[in-house]
Amino acid sequence: MMNRLPAILLLLTALVLAVTPASTVAADPVLMQDFDRNSCYAACPCSTGAPDQAQLCFECKQECDRKFWKSFDKETNQKDK
């Protein structure tokens, strides 16, 4: 009987996961955004590693973040209306 208990628990877990709707699975709302922050980051001059580029890299990433949140706010406000 003790050997069957883990198998039963595994079967019940698989059953619960199988019937759980995909909409209840945690999704990253960032993927739904029009603005792609990662591609913006990729355009920043950060990969050179030069010390004088550090400030430019930081400023570029800050600008990407500003654009991202502006896009986020715009989309959120449209959905609320």
C-alpha atoms as a PDB file:
ATOM      1  CA  MET A   1       0.000   0.000   0.000  1.00  0.00           C
ATOM      2  CA  MET A   2       2.842   2.423   0.812  1.00  0.00           C
ATOM      3  CA  ASN A   3       4.240   2.023  -2.707  1.00  0.00           C
ATOM      4  CA  ARG A   4       0.914   3.055  -4.206  1.00  0.00           C
ATOM      5  CA  LEU A   5       0.597   6.259  -2.177  1.00  0.00           C
ATOM      6  CA  PRO A   6       3.241   8.261  -4.113  1.00  0.00           C
ATOM      7  CA  ALA A   7       1.784   7.023  -7.395  1.00  0.00           C
ATOM      8  CA  ILE A   8      -1.719   8.106  -6.358  1.00  0.00           C
ATOM      9  CA  LEU A   9      -0.466  11.529  -5.255  1.00  0.00           C
ATOM     10  CA  LEU A  10       1.382  11.959  -8.546  1.00  0.00           C
ATOM     11  CA  LEU A  11      -1.715  10.947 -10.489  1.00  0.00           C
ATOM     12  CA  LEU A  12      -3.915  13.395  -8.560  1.00  0.00           C
ATOM     13  CA  THR A  13      -1.409  16.205  -9.078  1.00  0.00           C
ATOM     14  CA  ALA A  14      -1.295  15.509 -12.811  1.00  0.00           C
ATOM     15  CA  LEU A  15      -5.078  15.480 -12.933  1.00  0.00           C
ATOM     16  CA  VAL A  16      -5.351  18.830 -11.149  1.00  0.00           C
ATOM     17  CA  LEU A  17      -2.766  20.377 -13.465  1.00  0.00           C
ATOM     18  CA  ALA A  18      -4.503  18.954 -16.526  1.00  0.00           C
ATOM     19  CA  VAL A  19      -7.875  20.478 -15.676  1.00  0.00           C
ATOM     20  CA  THR A  20      -6.534  23.859 -14.530  1.00  0.00           C
ATOM     21  CA  PRO A  21      -7.392  26.471 -17.161  1.00  0.00           C
ATOM     22  CA  ALA A  22      -4.442  28.128 -18.831  1.00  0.00           C
ATOM     23  CA  SER A  23      -5.834  31.543 -17.913  1.00  0.00           C
ATOM     24  CA  THR A  24      -5.107  30.882 -14.239  1.00  0.00           C
ATOM     25  CA  VAL A  25      -1.442  30.273 -14.911  1.00  0.00           C
ATOM     26  CA  ALA A  26       0.598  33.319 -13.968  1.00  0.00           C
ATOM     27  CA  ALA A  27       1.420  35.286 -17.075  1.00  0.00           C
ATOM     28  CA  ASP A  28       3.867  38.125 -17.489  1.00  0.00           C
ATOM     29  CA  PRO A  29       1.855  41.197 -18.480  1.00  0.00           C
ATOM     30  CA  VAL A  30       5.016  42.718 -19.917  1.00  0.00           C
ATOM     31  CA  LEU A  31       4.777  40.348 -22.872  1.00  0.00           C
ATOM     32  CA  MET A  32       1.543  42.026 -23.891  1.00  0.00           C
ATOM     33  CA  GLN A  33       3.208  45.423 -24.205  1.00  0.00           C
ATOM     34  CA  ASP A  34       3.745  47.140 -27.526  1.00  0.00           C
ATOM     35  CA  PHE A  35       7.112  48.482 -26.393  1.00  0.00           C
ATOM     36  CA  ASP A  36       9.908  45.908 -26.239  1.00  0.00           C
ATOM     37  CA  ARG A  37      12.260  47.021 -23.482  1.00  0.00           C
ATOM     38  CA  ASN A  38      14.784  44.259 -24.199  1.00  0.00           C
ATOM     39  CA  SER A  39      15.271  45.328 -27.810  1.00  0.00           C
ATOM     40  CA  CYS A  40      15.666  48.905 -26.610  1.00  0.00           C
ATOM     41  CA  TYR A  41      18.318  47.769 -24.113  1.00  0.00           C
ATOM     42  CA  ALA A  42      20.095  45.892 -26.893  1.00  0.00           C
ATOM     43  CA  ALA A  43      20.482  49.154 -28.833  1.00  0.00           C
ATOM     44  CA  CYS A  44      22.240  50.825 -25.890  1.00  0.00           C
ATOM     45  CA  PRO A  45      26.047  51.213 -25.976  1.00  0.00           C
ATOM     46  CA  CYS A  46      26.644  48.864 -23.053  1.00  0.00           C
ATOM     47  CA  SER A  47      28.515  45.946 -24.576  1.00  0.00           C
ATOM     48  CA  THR A  48      31.765  47.792 -25.233  1.00  0.00           C
ATOM     49  CA  GLY A  49      32.801  47.740 -21.584  1.00  0.00           C
ATOM     50  CA  ALA A  50      34.649  51.033 -21.955  1.00  0.00           C
ATOM     51  CA  PRO A  51      34.554  53.121 -18.757  1.00  0.00           C
ATOM     52  CA  ASP A  52      33.435  56.246 -20.597  1.00  0.00           C
ATOM     53  CA  GLN A  53      30.454  54.344 -22.030  1.00  0.00           C
ATOM     54  CA  ALA A  54      29.041  53.457 -18.615  1.00  0.00           C
ATOM     55  CA  GLN A  55      27.176  56.744 -18.220  1.00  0.00           C
ATOM     56  CA  LEU A  56      25.805  56.560 -21.776  1.00  0.00           C
ATOM     57  CA  CYS A  57      24.680  52.982 -21.136  1.00  0.00           C
ATOM     58  CA  PHE A  58      22.945  53.991 -17.907  1.00  0.00           C
ATOM     59  CA  GLU A  59      21.188  56.964 -19.532  1.00  0.00           C
ATOM     60  CA  CYS A  60      20.110  54.858 -22.512  1.00  0.00           C
ATOM     61  CA  LYS A  61      18.619  52.188 -20.244  1.00  0.00           C
ATOM     62  CA  GLN A  62      16.826  54.850 -18.217  1.00  0.00           C
ATOM     63  CA  GLU A  63      15.306  56.223 -21.418  1.00  0.00           C
ATOM     64  CA  CYS A  64      14.203  52.686 -22.374  1.00  0.00           C
ATOM     65  CA  ASP A  65      12.534  52.352 -18.971  1.00  0.00           C
ATOM     66  CA  ARG A  66      10.792  55.709 -19.390  1.00  0.00           C
ATOM     67  CA  LYS A  67       9.457  54.665 -22.810  1.00  0.00           C
ATOM     68  CA  PHE A  68       8.361  51.295 -21.466  1.00  0.00           C
ATOM     69  CA  TRP A  69       6.405  52.769 -18.559  1.00  0.00           C
ATOM     70  CA  LYS A  70       4.888  55.455 -20.770  1.00  0.00           C
ATOM     71  CA  SER A  71       3.653  52.697 -23.094  1.00  0.00           C
ATOM     72  CA  PHE A  72       2.441  50.673 -20.125  1.00  0.00           C
ATOM     73  CA  ASP A  73       0.502  53.616 -18.687  1.00  0.00           C
ATOM     74  CA  LYS A  74      -1.034  54.370 -22.075  1.00  0.00           C
ATOM     75  CA  GLU A  75      -2.202  50.775 -22.543  1.00  0.00           C
ATOM     76  CA  THR A  76      -3.464  50.514 -18.975  1.00  0.00           C
ATOM     77  CA  ASN A  77      -5.481  53.714 -19.273  1.00  0.00           C
ATOM     78  CA  GLN A  78      -7.045  52.529 -22.536  1.00  0.00           C
ATOM     79  CA  LYS A  79      -8.075  49.225 -20.961  1.00  0.00           C
ATOM     80  CA  ASP A  80      -9.681  50.993 -17.991  1.00  0.00           C
ATOM     81  CA  LYS A  81     -11.985  53.065 -20.195  1.00  0.00           C
END
